[in-house]
């Protein structure tokens, strides 16, 4: 599989930025790839000034594409707004650079972002001046012979680097076909290129879930959906102004069981336990860490868990913000499960590698979890009971 990466990544070198005719041949530097060279570019003309990528050239280049390549190009053009957003996010572009990228013609933008032809990467790792790199790429955009995802292996390498994936996950990605890799990276599956927060381990978990999905031909659902107000890739309907969201109990039908598990796991006193039981479902789920990112399910190193719960309840009662994402700290929740049940070695590693939905089911946080054979229906499976 590793050989596949090396073989596929070979291709024509990117064109170097144009050299002024006043420079003598002896003074010219040897030709180098365009991406490293732009770090030293002090000033580049605005894109499209004097460049030779007119509409006629674009149309002629598209006519030369195969039927499959034309379909991929049309898909990229339809999804261009989200692709620009992902590119700006993963490369930490400032407002000026984002504005310039948004102002580029569609095919120039795709070429600039490395999604048409070869030589450019989507993740500009190590580039000190991304604004200069954008200007140089767009000014030298050519379309003849440029196909969508032509350098998909370089895109995949950037995906690994941007999400700081482990060696084991990288090895799994190396074995994917072109179609599978494009789905995992999000280009053809309506998912994000930046898979999730790296520091919480969410990106690793999200990518493993995507891997499992493409290999089992299952539906790909994002762990990190696009935020409210963004022109997201998901085609599911959104709630408009004045429309109420579905009750939180629909998403957590067994929320009372989860509360009881939290009480038992953290050895709460009777008064604190009763306060938690009498709180609203949304407040309780925030307190036990299943909604939002503020709290944890397992109270580690806490001398007075009752006082911690009382503080969390006060904050939940005064909070005026949105409900928060369900299981936003899934990686941390999984580690709590491992600690609670003293899993170790291969068992712990296999559990960490489970797709999101399977992990939630094992921990008892899915609707079907309580119906599994061998589970005590009086308790959540989060705490594994000895026979």
Foldseek 3Di string as FASTA:
>chain_A
DVVVLVVLQDDDAAFAFDDDPVDDPVPDDPDDGHLVVLLPDPDFDAFPVPADDDPVQQVVQLVPDDPVLNVLLVLCLVCVVQLLVLLCVLAVPDPVLSVSLVPDPSVLSCQLCQQWADRHENRSPPRPDVSSSSRRSSNHDHRHPITGCSNVSRNLVSLCVSLVEDPVLSVLLVPDDSVLNCVLCCSPQQAHNNQADNVLVRSHLLSLQSSVCSVVVHRRDHPDFDDPPDPGSDPDDDDDPPDDDDDPCVQFVPLLQLLVVLCVQAVADPVLSVVLNPDDSLLNCVLCPQFADDDHNHDPPDPHVSVSSVVSSVCSVPDDDDSGDGCNSVSRNLVVLCVLAVDDDPVSVVLSSDHPVVNCLQLQRDPCNLVDPPHDVSHGNSHPDDD
